[in-house]
Amino acid sequence: QVQLVESGGGLVQAGDSLRLSCVASGRTFSAYAMGWFRQAPGKEREFVAAITWSGINTYLADSVKGRFTISRDNAKNTVYLQMNSLKPEDTAVYYCAAGSGSGSRSASYAAWGQGTQVTVSS
């Protein structure tokens, strides 16, 4: 089983940028597709972005297209979520996840991090 630790969250103003990182340990990181999800208070967890094991293919939720980018560095066992032009509605706890597929469904991912809080003020 792979262990995941997110970092990089914080309190920012609307229009600012943040880069989240997720470092993996344990089993071979490069074998996993990786995803980012988020959960706002009172709402269900939702898909944000995913990337295949090779990093060649990426997928983004419509709500973040044009603003967020997902990437990975298999040499560093790390996946990133670059978030630009942040909006108050992006406020949530962000989780990274590892799985055998790079889909948008939570069930596709077997391992999850503890989450990092992102708060965007207006």
PDB file of N, CA and C in Angstrom:
ATOM      1  N   GLN A   1       0.840  -1.185   0.000  1.00  0.00           N
ATOM      2  CA  GLN A   1       0.000   0.000   0.000  1.00  0.00           C
ATOM      3  C   GLN A   1       0.881   1.242   0.000  1.00  0.00           C
ATOM      4  N   VAL A   2       0.485   2.242  -0.751  1.00  0.00           N
ATOM      5  CA  VAL A   2       1.234   3.481  -0.817  1.00  0.00           C
ATOM      6  C   VAL A   2       0.677   4.465   0.215  1.00  0.00           C
ATOM      7  N   GLN A   3       1.550   5.216   0.834  1.00  0.00           N
ATOM      8  CA  GLN A   3       1.148   6.263   1.784  1.00  0.00           C
ATOM      9  C   GLN A   3       1.316   7.625   1.114  1.00  0.00           C
ATOM     10  N   LEU A   4       0.366   8.512   1.362  1.00  0.00           N
ATOM     11  CA  LEU A   4       0.344   9.814   0.691  1.00  0.00           C
ATOM     12  C   LEU A   4       0.270  10.941   1.719  1.00  0.00           C
ATOM     13  N   VAL A   5       1.068  11.982   1.503  1.00  0.00           N
ATOM     14  CA  VAL A   5       1.055  13.144   2.385  1.00  0.00           C
ATOM     15  C   VAL A   5       0.981  14.409   1.536  1.00  0.00           C
ATOM     16  N   GLU A   6      -0.092  15.172   1.727  1.00  0.00           N
ATOM     17  CA  GLU A   6      -0.276  16.419   0.983  1.00  0.00           C
ATOM     18  C   GLU A   6       0.315  17.594   1.756  1.00  0.00           C
ATOM     19  N   SER A   7       0.676  18.628   1.013  1.00  0.00           N
ATOM     20  CA  SER A   7       1.128  19.882   1.611  1.00  0.00           C
ATOM     21  C   SER A   7       0.877  21.009   0.621  1.00  0.00           C
ATOM     22  N   GLY A   8       1.024  22.240   1.119  1.00  0.00           N
ATOM     23  CA  GLY A   8       0.911  23.400   0.248  1.00  0.00           C
ATOM     24  C   GLY A   8      -0.369  24.193   0.365  1.00  0.00           C
ATOM     25  N   GLY A   9      -1.302  23.711   1.162  1.00  0.00           N
ATOM     26  CA  GLY A   9      -2.539  24.457   1.342  1.00  0.00           C
ATOM     27  C   GLY A   9      -2.315  25.721   2.158  1.00  0.00           C
ATOM     28  N   GLY A  10      -3.348  26.538   2.211  1.00  0.00           N
ATOM     29  CA  GLY A  10      -3.237  27.764   2.992  1.00  0.00           C
ATOM     30  C   GLY A  10      -4.389  28.703   2.726  1.00  0.00           C
ATOM     31  N   LEU A  11      -4.263  29.915   3.257  1.00  0.00           N
ATOM     32  CA  LEU A  11      -5.269  30.964   3.085  1.00  0.00           C
ATOM     33  C   LEU A  11      -4.749  31.977   2.076  1.00  0.00           C
ATOM     34  N   VAL A  12      -5.499  32.167   1.002  1.00  0.00           N
ATOM     35  CA  VAL A  12      -5.103  33.107  -0.039  1.00  0.00           C
ATOM     36  C   VAL A  12      -6.302  33.964  -0.424  1.00  0.00           C
ATOM     37  N   GLN A  13      -6.028  34.985  -1.222  1.00  0.00           N
ATOM     38  CA  GLN A  13      -7.100  35.830  -1.721  1.00  0.00           C
ATOM     39  C   GLN A  13      -7.517  35.375  -3.124  1.00  0.00           C
ATOM     40  N   ALA A  14      -8.729  35.742  -3.490  1.00  0.00           N
ATOM     41  CA  ALA A  14      -9.212  35.426  -4.829  1.00  0.00           C
ATOM     42  C   ALA A  14      -8.235  35.966  -5.873  1.00  0.00           C
ATOM     43  N   GLY A  15      -7.945  35.135  -6.868  1.00  0.00           N
ATOM     44  CA  GLY A  15      -7.009  35.517  -7.915  1.00  0.00           C
ATOM     45  C   GLY A  15      -5.587  35.037  -7.684  1.00  0.00           C
ATOM     46  N   ASP A  16      -5.288  34.628  -6.462  1.00  0.00           N
ATOM     47  CA  ASP A  16      -3.951  34.129  -6.127  1.00  0.00           C
ATOM     48  C   ASP A  16      -3.745  32.713  -6.646  1.00  0.00           C
ATOM     49  N   SER A  17      -2.529  32.236  -6.458  1.00  0.00           N
ATOM     50  CA  SER A  17      -2.156  30.888  -6.871  1.00  0.00           C
ATOM     51  C   SER A  17      -1.612  30.101  -5.689  1.00  0.00           C
ATOM     52  N   LEU A  18      -1.752  28.797  -5.763  1.00  0.00           N
ATOM     53  CA  LEU A  18      -1.156  27.874  -4.813  1.00  0.00           C
ATOM     54  C   LEU A  18      -0.716  26.632  -5.571  1.00  0.00           C
ATOM     55  N   ARG A  19       0.318  25.969  -5.056  1.00  0.00           N
ATOM     56  CA  ARG A  19       0.698  24.686  -5.607  1.00  0.00           C
ATOM     57  C   ARG A  19       0.662  23.650  -4.488  1.00  0.00           C
ATOM     58  N   LEU A  20      -0.179  22.667  -4.662  1.00  0.00           N
ATOM     59  CA  LEU A  20      -0.247  21.562  -3.724  1.00  0.00           C
ATOM     60  C   LEU A  20       0.712  20.463  -4.174  1.00  0.00           C
ATOM     61  N   SER A  21       1.292  19.806  -3.181  1.00  0.00           N
ATOM     62  CA  SER A  21       2.174  18.679  -3.440  1.00  0.00           C
ATOM     63  C   SER A  21       1.664  17.462  -2.688  1.00  0.00           C
ATOM     64  N   CYS A  22       1.933  16.315  -3.242  1.00  0.00           N
ATOM     65  CA  CYS A  22       1.566  15.065  -2.583  1.00  0.00           C
ATOM     66  C   CYS A  22       2.732  14.112  -2.772  1.00  0.00           C
ATOM     67  N   VAL A  23       3.364  13.763  -1.657  1.00  0.00           N
ATOM     68  CA  VAL A  23       4.508  12.865  -1.691  1.00  0.00           C
ATOM     69  C   VAL A  23       4.060  11.460  -1.317  1.00  0.00           C
ATOM     70  N   ALA A  24       4.488  10.500  -2.108  1.00  0.00           N
ATOM     71  CA  ALA A  24       4.109   9.109  -1.875  1.00  0.00           C
ATOM     72  C   ALA A  24       5.281   8.312  -1.338  1.00  0.00           C
ATOM     73  N   SER A  25       4.978   7.367  -0.492  1.00  0.00           N
ATOM     74  CA  SER A  25       5.985   6.440   0.006  1.00  0.00           C
ATOM     75  C   SER A  25       5.362   5.044   0.042  1.00  0.00           C
ATOM     76  N   GLY A  26       6.217   4.061   0.104  1.00  0.00           N
ATOM     77  CA  GLY A  26       5.704   2.703   0.118  1.00  0.00           C
ATOM     78  C   GLY A  26       5.953   2.035  -1.212  1.00  0.00           C
ATOM     79  N   ARG A  27       4.900   1.556  -1.812  1.00  0.00           N
ATOM     80  CA  ARG A  27       5.031   0.837  -3.062  1.00  0.00           C
ATOM     81  C   ARG A  27       5.353   1.776  -4.223  1.00  0.00           C
ATOM     82  N   THR A  28       5.725   1.232  -5.342  1.00  0.00           N
ATOM     83  CA  THR A  28       6.225   1.977  -6.489  1.00  0.00           C
ATOM     84  C   THR A  28       5.235   3.036  -6.948  1.00  0.00           C
ATOM     85  N   PHE A  29       5.627   4.280  -6.767  1.00  0.00           N
ATOM     86  CA  PHE A  29       4.764   5.412  -7.090  1.00  0.00           C
ATOM     87  C   PHE A  29       4.426   5.440  -8.568  1.00  0.00           C
ATOM     88  N   SER A  30       5.397   5.156  -9.399  1.00  0.00           N
ATOM     89  CA  SER A  30       5.194   5.298 -10.841  1.00  0.00           C
ATOM     90  C   SER A  30       4.181   4.310 -11.390  1.00  0.00           C
ATOM     91  N   ALA A  31       3.801   3.312 -10.615  1.00  0.00           N
ATOM     92  CA  ALA A  31       2.826   2.328 -11.082  1.00  0.00           C
ATOM     93  C   ALA A  31       1.392   2.822 -10.928  1.00  0.00           C
ATOM     94  N   TYR A  32       1.207   3.924 -10.212  1.00  0.00           N
ATOM     95  CA  TYR A  32      -0.129   4.392  -9.882  1.00  0.00           C
ATOM     96  C   TYR A  32      -0.566   5.583 -10.719  1.00  0.00           C
ATOM     97  N   ALA A  33      -1.833   5.568 -11.084  1.00  0.00           N
ATOM     98  CA  ALA A  33      -2.465   6.795 -11.521  1.00  0.00           C
ATOM     99  C   ALA A  33      -2.750   7.623 -10.268  1.00  0.00           C
ATOM    100  N   MET A  34      -2.737   8.928 -10.399  1.00  0.00           N
ATOM    101  CA  MET A  34      -2.935   9.806  -9.248  1.00  0.00           C
ATOM    102  C   MET A  34      -4.083  10.769  -9.514  1.00  0.00           C
ATOM    103  N   GLY A  35      -4.771  11.098  -8.448  1.00  0.00           N
ATOM    104  CA  GLY A  35      -5.879  12.027  -8.583  1.00  0.00           C
ATOM    105  C   GLY A  35      -5.907  13.030  -7.448  1.00  0.00           C
ATOM    106  N   TRP A  36      -6.555  14.139  -7.694  1.00  0.00           N
ATOM    107  CA  TRP A  36      -6.845  15.137  -6.661  1.00  0.00           C
ATOM    108  C   TRP A  36      -8.374  15.275  -6.567  1.00  0.00           C
ATOM    109  N   PHE A  37      -8.837  15.282  -5.338  1.00  0.00           N
ATOM    110  CA  PHE A  37     -10.239  15.494  -5.050  1.00  0.00           C
ATOM    111  C   PHE A  37     -10.344  16.607  -4.015  1.00  0.00           C
ATOM    112  N   ARG A  38     -11.531  17.135  -3.839  1.00  0.00           N
ATOM    113  CA  ARG A  38     -11.722  18.151  -2.804  1.00  0.00           C
ATOM    114  C   ARG A  38     -13.105  17.996  -2.182  1.00  0.00           C
ATOM    115  N   GLN A  39     -13.192  18.461  -0.951  1.00  0.00           N
ATOM    116  CA  GLN A  39     -14.462  18.406  -0.239  1.00  0.00           C
ATOM    117  C   GLN A  39     -14.663  19.692   0.543  1.00  0.00           C
ATOM    118  N   ALA A  40     -15.715  20.399   0.188  1.00  0.00           N
ATOM    119  CA  ALA A  40     -16.077  21.628   0.885  1.00  0.00           C
ATOM    120  C   ALA A  40     -17.041  21.284   2.016  1.00  0.00           C
ATOM    121  N   PRO A  41     -17.130  22.139   3.038  1.00  0.00           N
ATOM    122  CA  PRO A  41     -18.043  21.873   4.158  1.00  0.00           C
ATOM    123  C   PRO A  41     -19.477  21.654   3.688  1.00  0.00           C
ATOM    124  N   GLY A  42     -20.070  20.557   4.135  1.00  0.00           N
ATOM    125  CA  GLY A  42     -21.444  20.273   3.798  1.00  0.00           C
ATOM    126  C   GLY A  42     -21.664  19.719   2.411  1.00  0.00           C
ATOM    127  N   LYS A  43     -20.578  19.474   1.691  1.00  0.00           N
ATOM    128  CA  LYS A  43     -20.705  18.958   0.322  1.00  0.00           C
ATOM    129  C   LYS A  43     -19.991  17.623   0.187  1.00  0.00           C
ATOM    130  N   GLU A  44     -20.337  16.898  -0.856  1.00  0.00           N
ATOM    131  CA  GLU A  44     -19.679  15.631  -1.117  1.00  0.00           C
ATOM    132  C   GLU A  44     -18.294  15.869  -1.723  1.00  0.00           C
ATOM    133  N   ARG A  45     -17.453  14.877  -1.572  1.00  0.00           N
ATOM    134  CA  ARG A  45     -16.129  14.942  -2.192  1.00  0.00           C
ATOM    135  C   ARG A  45     -16.291  14.942  -3.707  1.00  0.00           C
ATOM    136  N   GLU A  46     -15.526  15.795  -4.377  1.00  0.00           N
ATOM    137  CA  GLU A  46     -15.643  15.884  -5.829  1.00  0.00           C
ATOM    138  C   GLU A  46     -14.283  15.773  -6.494  1.00  0.00           C
ATOM    139  N   PHE A  47     -14.314  15.260  -7.704  1.00  0.00           N
ATOM    140  CA  PHE A  47     -13.113  15.101  -8.504  1.00  0.00           C
ATOM    141  C   PHE A  47     -12.589  16.451  -8.943  1.00  0.00           C
ATOM    142  N   VAL A  48     -11.269  16.583  -8.943  1.00  0.00           N
ATOM    143  CA  VAL A  48     -10.624  17.805  -9.419  1.00  0.00           C
ATOM    144  C   VAL A  48      -9.742  17.522 -10.626  1.00  0.00           C
ATOM    145  N   ALA A  49      -8.834  16.555 -10.482  1.00  0.00           N
ATOM    146  CA  ALA A  49      -7.879  16.291 -11.558  1.00  0.00           C
ATOM    147  C   ALA A  49      -7.302  14.895 -11.399  1.00  0.00           C
ATOM    148  N   ALA A  50      -6.811  14.350 -12.511  1.00  0.00           N
ATOM    149  CA  ALA A  50      -6.160  13.043 -12.480  1.00  0.00           C
ATOM    150  C   ALA A  50      -5.060  13.008 -13.523  1.00  0.00           C
ATOM    151  N   ILE A  51      -4.121  12.099 -13.298  1.00  0.00           N
ATOM    152  CA  ILE A  51      -3.002  11.952 -14.216  1.00  0.00           C
ATOM    153  C   ILE A  51      -2.619  10.492 -14.278  1.00  0.00           C
ATOM    154  N   THR A  52      -2.319  10.006 -15.475  1.00  0.00           N
ATOM    155  CA  THR A  52      -1.933   8.613 -15.628  1.00  0.00           C
ATOM    156  C   THR A  52      -0.535   8.369 -15.060  1.00  0.00           C
ATOM    157  N   TRP A  53      -0.171   7.091 -14.935  1.00  0.00           N
ATOM    158  CA  TRP A  53       1.101   6.755 -14.318  1.00  0.00           C
ATOM    159  C   TRP A  53       2.279   7.365 -15.063  1.00  0.00           C
ATOM    160  N   SER A  54       2.156   7.476 -16.388  1.00  0.00           N
ATOM    161  CA  SER A  54       3.248   8.018 -17.197  1.00  0.00           C
ATOM    162  C   SER A  54       3.288   9.545 -17.181  1.00  0.00           C
ATOM    163  N   GLY A  55       2.168  10.154 -16.795  1.00  0.00           N
ATOM    164  CA  GLY A  55       2.084  11.604 -16.832  1.00  0.00           C
ATOM    165  C   GLY A  55       1.672  12.157 -18.183  1.00  0.00           C
ATOM    166  N   ILE A  56       1.474  11.278 -19.158  1.00  0.00           N
ATOM    167  CA  ILE A  56       1.155  11.730 -20.506  1.00  0.00           C
ATOM    168  C   ILE A  56      -0.264  12.279 -20.595  1.00  0.00           C
ATOM    169  N   ASN A  57      -1.174  11.610 -19.924  1.00  0.00           N
ATOM    170  CA  ASN A  57      -2.581  12.013 -19.998  1.00  0.00           C
ATOM    171  C   ASN A  57      -3.046  12.619 -18.682  1.00  0.00           C
ATOM    172  N   THR A  58      -3.735  13.741 -18.792  1.00  0.00           N
ATOM    173  CA  THR A  58      -4.303  14.399 -17.617  1.00  0.00           C
ATOM    174  C   THR A  58      -5.779  14.693 -17.856  1.00  0.00           C
ATOM    175  N   TYR A  59      -6.502  14.802 -16.757  1.00  0.00           N
ATOM    176  CA  TYR A  59      -7.943  15.042 -16.819  1.00  0.00           C
ATOM    177  C   TYR A  59      -8.289  16.071 -15.751  1.00  0.00           C
ATOM    178  N   LEU A  60      -9.150  16.988 -16.101  1.00  0.00           N
ATOM    179  CA  LEU A  60      -9.538  18.054 -15.183  1.00  0.00           C
ATOM    180  C   LEU A  60     -11.050  18.192 -15.146  1.00  0.00           C
ATOM    181  N   ALA A  61     -11.576  18.495 -13.969  1.00  0.00           N
ATOM    182  CA  ALA A  61     -12.992  18.811 -13.859  1.00  0.00           C
ATOM    183  C   ALA A  61     -13.276  20.104 -14.610  1.00  0.00           C
ATOM    184  N   ASP A  62     -14.471  20.209 -15.137  1.00  0.00           N
ATOM    185  CA  ASP A  62     -14.833  21.402 -15.901  1.00  0.00           C
ATOM    186  C   ASP A  62     -14.666  22.677 -15.079  1.00  0.00           C
ATOM    187  N   SER A  63     -14.920  22.567 -13.786  1.00  0.00           N
ATOM    188  CA  SER A  63     -14.881  23.746 -12.925  1.00  0.00           C
ATOM    189  C   SER A  63     -13.480  24.318 -12.745  1.00  0.00           C
ATOM    190  N   VAL A  64     -12.453  23.541 -13.081  1.00  0.00           N
ATOM    191  CA  VAL A  64     -11.087  24.009 -12.880  1.00  0.00           C
ATOM    192  C   VAL A  64     -10.280  24.088 -14.169  1.00  0.00           C
ATOM    193  N   LYS A  65     -10.864  23.688 -15.280  1.00  0.00           N
ATOM    194  CA  LYS A  65     -10.151  23.745 -16.553  1.00  0.00           C
ATOM    195  C   LYS A  65      -9.735  25.175 -16.868  1.00  0.00           C
ATOM    196  N   GLY A  66      -8.502  25.310 -17.323  1.00  0.00           N
ATOM    197  CA  GLY A  66      -7.980  26.630 -17.640  1.00  0.00           C
ATOM    198  C   GLY A  66      -7.351  27.323 -16.450  1.00  0.00           C
ATOM    199  N   ARG A  67      -7.561  26.780 -15.249  1.00  0.00           N
ATOM    200  CA  ARG A  67      -6.999  27.391 -14.039  1.00  0.00           C
ATOM    201  C   ARG A  67      -6.056  26.457 -13.294  1.00  0.00           C
ATOM    202  N   PHE A  68      -6.372  25.166 -13.262  1.00  0.00           N
ATOM    203  CA  PHE A  68      -5.567  24.184 -12.536  1.00  0.00           C
ATOM    204  C   PHE A  68      -4.798  23.302 -13.506  1.00  0.00           C
ATOM    205  N   THR A  69      -3.653  22.823 -13.030  1.00  0.00           N
ATOM    206  CA  THR A  69      -2.841  21.891 -13.801  1.00  0.00           C
ATOM    207  C   THR A  69      -2.340  20.796 -12.873  1.00  0.00           C
ATOM    208  N   ILE A  70      -2.410  19.556 -13.321  1.00  0.00           N
ATOM    209  CA  ILE A  70      -1.861  18.447 -12.554  1.00  0.00           C
ATOM    210  C   ILE A  70      -0.618  17.946 -13.264  1.00  0.00           C
ATOM    211  N   SER A  71       0.396  17.611 -12.477  1.00  0.00           N
ATOM    212  CA  SER A  71       1.633  17.070 -13.033  1.00  0.00           C
ATOM    213  C   SER A  71       2.244  16.126 -12.006  1.00  0.00           C
ATOM    214  N   ARG A  72       3.246  15.381 -12.430  1.00  0.00           N
ATOM    215  CA  ARG A  72       3.907  14.465 -11.518  1.00  0.00           C
ATOM    216  C   ARG A  72       5.374  14.359 -11.860  1.00  0.00           C
ATOM    217  N   ASP A  73       6.157  14.027 -10.823  1.00  0.00           N
ATOM    218  CA  ASP A  73       7.577  13.769 -10.978  1.00  0.00           C
ATOM    219  C   ASP A  73       7.842  12.408 -10.348  1.00  0.00           C
ATOM    220  N   ASN A  74       7.923  11.392 -11.172  1.00  0.00           N
ATOM    221  CA  ASN A  74       8.073  10.036 -10.646  1.00  0.00           C
ATOM    222  C   ASN A  74       9.421   9.843  -9.950  1.00  0.00           C
ATOM    223  N   ALA A  75      10.407  10.612 -10.326  1.00  0.00           N
ATOM    224  CA  ALA A  75      11.718  10.520  -9.662  1.00  0.00           C
ATOM    225  C   ALA A  75      11.639  11.025  -8.225  1.00  0.00           C
ATOM    226  N   LYS A  76      10.679  11.910  -7.958  1.00  0.00           N
ATOM    227  CA  LYS A  76      10.510  12.476  -6.614  1.00  0.00           C
ATOM    228  C   LYS A  76       9.294  11.902  -5.898  1.00  0.00           C
ATOM    229  N   ASN A  77       8.634  10.941  -6.524  1.00  0.00           N
ATOM    230  CA  ASN A  77       7.434  10.332  -5.927  1.00  0.00           C
ATOM    231  C   ASN A  77       6.397  11.396  -5.547  1.00  0.00           C
ATOM    232  N   THR A  78       6.234  12.371  -6.403  1.00  0.00           N
ATOM    233  CA  THR A  78       5.398  13.515  -6.059  1.00  0.00           C
ATOM    234  C   THR A  78       4.441  13.859  -7.205  1.00  0.00           C
ATOM    235  N   VAL A  79       3.221  14.189  -6.814  1.00  0.00           N
ATOM    236  CA  VAL A  79       2.247  14.721  -7.752  1.00  0.00           C
ATOM    237  C   VAL A  79       1.886  16.129  -7.293  1.00  0.00           C
ATOM    238  N   TYR A  80       1.663  17.002  -8.255  1.00  0.00           N
ATOM    239  CA  TYR A  80       1.401  18.410  -7.966  1.00  0.00           C
ATOM    240  C   TYR A  80       0.030  18.834  -8.497  1.00  0.00           C
ATOM    241  N   LEU A  81      -0.520  19.826  -7.848  1.00  0.00           N
ATOM    242  CA  LEU A  81      -1.710  20.481  -8.368  1.00  0.00           C
ATOM    243  C   LEU A  81      -1.434  21.980  -8.329  1.00  0.00           C
ATOM    244  N   GLN A  82      -1.203  22.550  -9.493  1.00  0.00           N
ATOM    245  CA  GLN A  82      -0.987  23.988  -9.608  1.00  0.00           C
ATOM    246  C   GLN A  82      -2.337  24.652  -9.782  1.00  0.00           C
ATOM    247  N   MET A  83      -2.657  25.548  -8.868  1.00  0.00           N
ATOM    248  CA  MET A  83      -3.959  26.197  -8.874  1.00  0.00           C
ATOM    249  C   MET A  83      -3.768  27.697  -9.066  1.00  0.00           C
ATOM    250  N   ASN A  84      -4.251  28.197 -10.175  1.00  0.00           N
ATOM    251  CA  ASN A  84      -4.165  29.625 -10.504  1.00  0.00           C
ATOM    252  C   ASN A  84      -5.557  30.252 -10.502  1.00  0.00           C
ATOM    253  N   SER A  85      -5.593  31.556 -10.423  1.00  0.00           N
ATOM    254  CA  SER A  85      -6.868  32.295 -10.471  1.00  0.00           C
ATOM    255  C   SER A  85      -7.889  31.700  -9.510  1.00  0.00           C
ATOM    256  N   LEU A  86      -7.457  31.493  -8.290  1.00  0.00           N
ATOM    257  CA  LEU A  86      -8.322  30.851  -7.306  1.00  0.00           C
ATOM    258  C   LEU A  86      -9.559  31.685  -7.009  1.00  0.00           C
ATOM    259  N   LYS A  87     -10.641  30.969  -6.754  1.00  0.00           N
ATOM    260  CA  LYS A  87     -11.931  31.584  -6.463  1.00  0.00           C
ATOM    261  C   LYS A  87     -12.399  31.138  -5.077  1.00  0.00           C
ATOM    262  N   PRO A  88     -13.263  31.904  -4.434  1.00  0.00           N
ATOM    263  CA  PRO A  88     -13.785  31.478  -3.126  1.00  0.00           C
ATOM    264  C   PRO A  88     -14.436  30.091  -3.184  1.00  0.00           C
ATOM    265  N   GLU A  89     -15.044  29.746  -4.289  1.00  0.00           N
ATOM    266  CA  GLU A  89     -15.677  28.432  -4.410  1.00  0.00           C
ATOM    267  C   GLU A  89     -14.685  27.278  -4.516  1.00  0.00           C
ATOM    268  N   ASP A  90     -13.400  27.598  -4.610  1.00  0.00           N
ATOM    269  CA  ASP A  90     -12.367  26.559  -4.581  1.00  0.00           C
ATOM    270  C   ASP A  90     -12.011  26.168  -3.146  1.00  0.00           C
ATOM    271  N   THR A  91     -12.564  26.875  -2.184  1.00  0.00           N
ATOM    272  CA  THR A  91     -12.295  26.570  -0.780  1.00  0.00           C
ATOM    273  C   THR A  91     -12.761  25.162  -0.435  1.00  0.00           C
ATOM    274  N   ALA A  92     -11.840  24.357   0.091  1.00  0.00           N
ATOM    275  CA  ALA A  92     -12.140  22.958   0.395  1.00  0.00           C
ATOM    276  C   ALA A  92     -10.904  22.314   1.007  1.00  0.00           C
ATOM    277  N   VAL A  93     -11.093  21.113   1.510  1.00  0.00           N
ATOM    278  CA  VAL A  93      -9.962  20.256   1.844  1.00  0.00           C
ATOM    279  C   VAL A  93      -9.623  19.461   0.582  1.00  0.00           C
ATOM    280  N   TYR A  94      -8.367  19.516   0.205  1.00  0.00           N
ATOM    281  CA  TYR A  94      -7.912  18.845  -1.004  1.00  0.00           C
ATOM    282  C   TYR A  94      -7.177  17.560  -0.635  1.00  0.00           C
ATOM    283  N   TYR A  95      -7.559  16.489  -1.316  1.00  0.00           N
ATOM    284  CA  TYR A  95      -6.980  15.174  -1.063  1.00  0.00           C
ATOM    285  C   TYR A  95      -6.307  14.642  -2.322  1.00  0.00           C
ATOM    286  N   CYS A  96      -5.162  14.020  -2.154  1.00  0.00           N
ATOM    287  CA  CYS A  96      -4.612  13.271  -3.276  1.00  0.00           C
ATOM    288  C   CYS A  96      -4.905  11.797  -3.059  1.00  0.00           C
ATOM    289  N   ALA A  97      -4.915  11.069  -4.158  1.00  0.00           N
ATOM    290  CA  ALA A  97      -5.285   9.665  -4.119  1.00  0.00           C
ATOM    291  C   ALA A  97      -4.498   8.896  -5.171  1.00  0.00           C
ATOM    292  N   ALA A  98      -4.264   7.637  -4.881  1.00  0.00           N
ATOM    293  CA  ALA A  98      -3.529   6.767  -5.798  1.00  0.00           C
ATOM    294  C   ALA A  98      -4.399   5.568  -6.150  1.00  0.00           C
ATOM    295  N   GLY A  99      -4.351   5.189  -7.421  1.00  0.00           N
ATOM    296  CA  GLY A  99      -5.157   4.059  -7.839  1.00  0.00           C
ATOM    297  C   GLY A  99      -4.650   3.434  -9.124  1.00  0.00           C
ATOM    298  N   SER A 100      -5.363   2.406  -9.546  1.00  0.00           N
ATOM    299  CA  SER A 100      -4.972   1.701 -10.758  1.00  0.00           C
ATOM    300  C   SER A 100      -5.523   2.375 -12.010  1.00  0.00           C
ATOM    301  N   GLY A 101      -6.523   3.235 -11.820  1.00  0.00           N
ATOM    302  CA  GLY A 101      -7.095   3.940 -12.958  1.00  0.00           C
ATOM    303  C   GLY A 101      -7.067   5.425 -12.699  1.00  0.00           C
ATOM    304  N   SER A 102      -7.240   6.227 -13.704  1.00  0.00           N
ATOM    305  CA  SER A 102      -7.156   7.685 -13.563  1.00  0.00           C
ATOM    306  C   SER A 102      -8.522   8.324 -13.784  1.00  0.00           C
ATOM    307  N   GLY A 103      -9.555   7.642 -13.355  1.00  0.00           N
ATOM    308  CA  GLY A 103     -10.889   8.164 -13.559  1.00  0.00           C
ATOM    309  C   GLY A 103     -11.287   9.211 -12.544  1.00  0.00           C
ATOM    310  N   SER A 104     -12.513   9.682 -12.678  1.00  0.00           N
ATOM    311  CA  SER A 104     -13.025  10.721 -11.808  1.00  0.00           C
ATOM    312  C   SER A 104     -13.803  10.165 -10.618  1.00  0.00           C
ATOM    313  N   ARG A 105     -13.952   8.864 -10.553  1.00  0.00           N
ATOM    314  CA  ARG A 105     -14.703   8.266  -9.462  1.00  0.00           C
ATOM    315  C   ARG A 105     -13.795   7.966  -8.279  1.00  0.00           C
ATOM    316  N   SER A 106     -14.241   8.299  -7.080  1.00  0.00           N
ATOM    317  CA  SER A 106     -13.462   8.024  -5.878  1.00  0.00           C
ATOM    318  C   SER A 106     -13.140   6.547  -5.746  1.00  0.00           C
ATOM    319  N   ALA A 107     -14.051   5.707  -6.197  1.00  0.00           N
ATOM    320  CA  ALA A 107     -13.867   4.262  -6.057  1.00  0.00           C
ATOM    321  C   ALA A 107     -12.696   3.730  -6.876  1.00  0.00           C
ATOM    322  N   SER A 108     -12.188   4.526  -7.802  1.00  0.00           N
ATOM    323  CA  SER A 108     -11.046   4.103  -8.619  1.00  0.00           C
ATOM    324  C   SER A 108      -9.733   4.184  -7.862  1.00  0.00           C
ATOM    325  N   TYR A 109      -9.762   4.798  -6.685  1.00  0.00           N
ATOM    326  CA  TYR A 109      -8.537   5.073  -5.944  1.00  0.00           C
ATOM    327  C   TYR A 109      -8.524   4.321  -4.619  1.00  0.00           C
ATOM    328  N   ALA A 110      -7.413   3.638  -4.344  1.00  0.00           N
ATOM    329  CA  ALA A 110      -7.332   2.783  -3.171  1.00  0.00           C
ATOM    330  C   ALA A 110      -6.661   3.444  -1.986  1.00  0.00           C
ATOM    331  N   ALA A 111      -5.827   4.424  -2.234  1.00  0.00           N
ATOM    332  CA  ALA A 111      -5.082   5.063  -1.154  1.00  0.00           C
ATOM    333  C   ALA A 111      -5.329   6.561  -1.176  1.00  0.00           C
ATOM    334  N   TRP A 112      -5.463   7.135   0.026  1.00  0.00           N
ATOM    335  CA  TRP A 112      -5.784   8.547   0.159  1.00  0.00           C
ATOM    336  C   TRP A 112      -4.883   9.218   1.172  1.00  0.00           C
ATOM    337  N   GLY A 113      -4.592  10.491   0.916  1.00  0.00           N
ATOM    338  CA  GLY A 113      -3.873  11.283   1.899  1.00  0.00           C
ATOM    339  C   GLY A 113      -4.819  11.839   2.942  1.00  0.00           C
ATOM    340  N   GLN A 114      -4.270  12.581   3.892  1.00  0.00           N
ATOM    341  CA  GLN A 114      -5.067  13.115   4.993  1.00  0.00           C
ATOM    342  C   GLN A 114      -5.736  14.437   4.636  1.00  0.00           C
ATOM    343  N   GLY A 115      -5.321  15.040   3.548  1.00  0.00           N
ATOM    344  CA  GLY A 115      -5.928  16.279   3.071  1.00  0.00           C
ATOM    345  C   GLY A 115      -5.182  17.519   3.514  1.00  0.00           C
ATOM    346  N   THR A 116      -5.322  18.579   2.737  1.00  0.00           N
ATOM    347  CA  THR A 116      -4.746  19.874   3.067  1.00  0.00           C
ATOM    348  C   THR A 116      -5.797  20.945   2.778  1.00  0.00           C
ATOM    349  N   GLN A 117      -5.930  21.887   3.709  1.00  0.00           N
ATOM    350  CA  GLN A 117      -6.984  22.893   3.605  1.00  0.00           C
ATOM    351  C   GLN A 117      -6.561  24.027   2.680  1.00  0.00           C
ATOM    352  N   VAL A 118      -7.447  24.361   1.768  1.00  0.00           N
ATOM    353  CA  VAL A 118      -7.276  25.539   0.911  1.00  0.00           C
ATOM    354  C   VAL A 118      -8.451  26.470   1.174  1.00  0.00           C
ATOM    355  N   THR A 119      -8.156  27.693   1.558  1.00  0.00           N
ATOM    356  CA  THR A 119      -9.198  28.683   1.813  1.00  0.00           C
ATOM    357  C   THR A 119      -8.925  29.904   0.954  1.00  0.00           C
ATOM    358  N   VAL A 120      -9.919  30.293   0.176  1.00  0.00           N
ATOM    359  CA  VAL A 120      -9.788  31.433  -0.727  1.00  0.00           C
ATOM    360  C   VAL A 120     -10.769  32.508  -0.274  1.00  0.00           C
ATOM    361  N   SER A 121     -10.238  33.645   0.118  1.00  0.00           N
ATOM    362  CA  SER A 121     -11.094  34.741   0.574  1.00  0.00           C
ATOM    363  C   SER A 121     -11.425  35.672  -0.591  1.00  0.00           C
ATOM    364  N   SER A 122     -12.581  36.309  -0.503  1.00  0.00           N
ATOM    365  CA  SER A 122     -13.023  37.191  -1.592  1.00  0.00           C
ATOM    366  C   SER A 122     -12.547  38.611  -1.380  1.00  0.00           C
TER     367      SER A 122
END
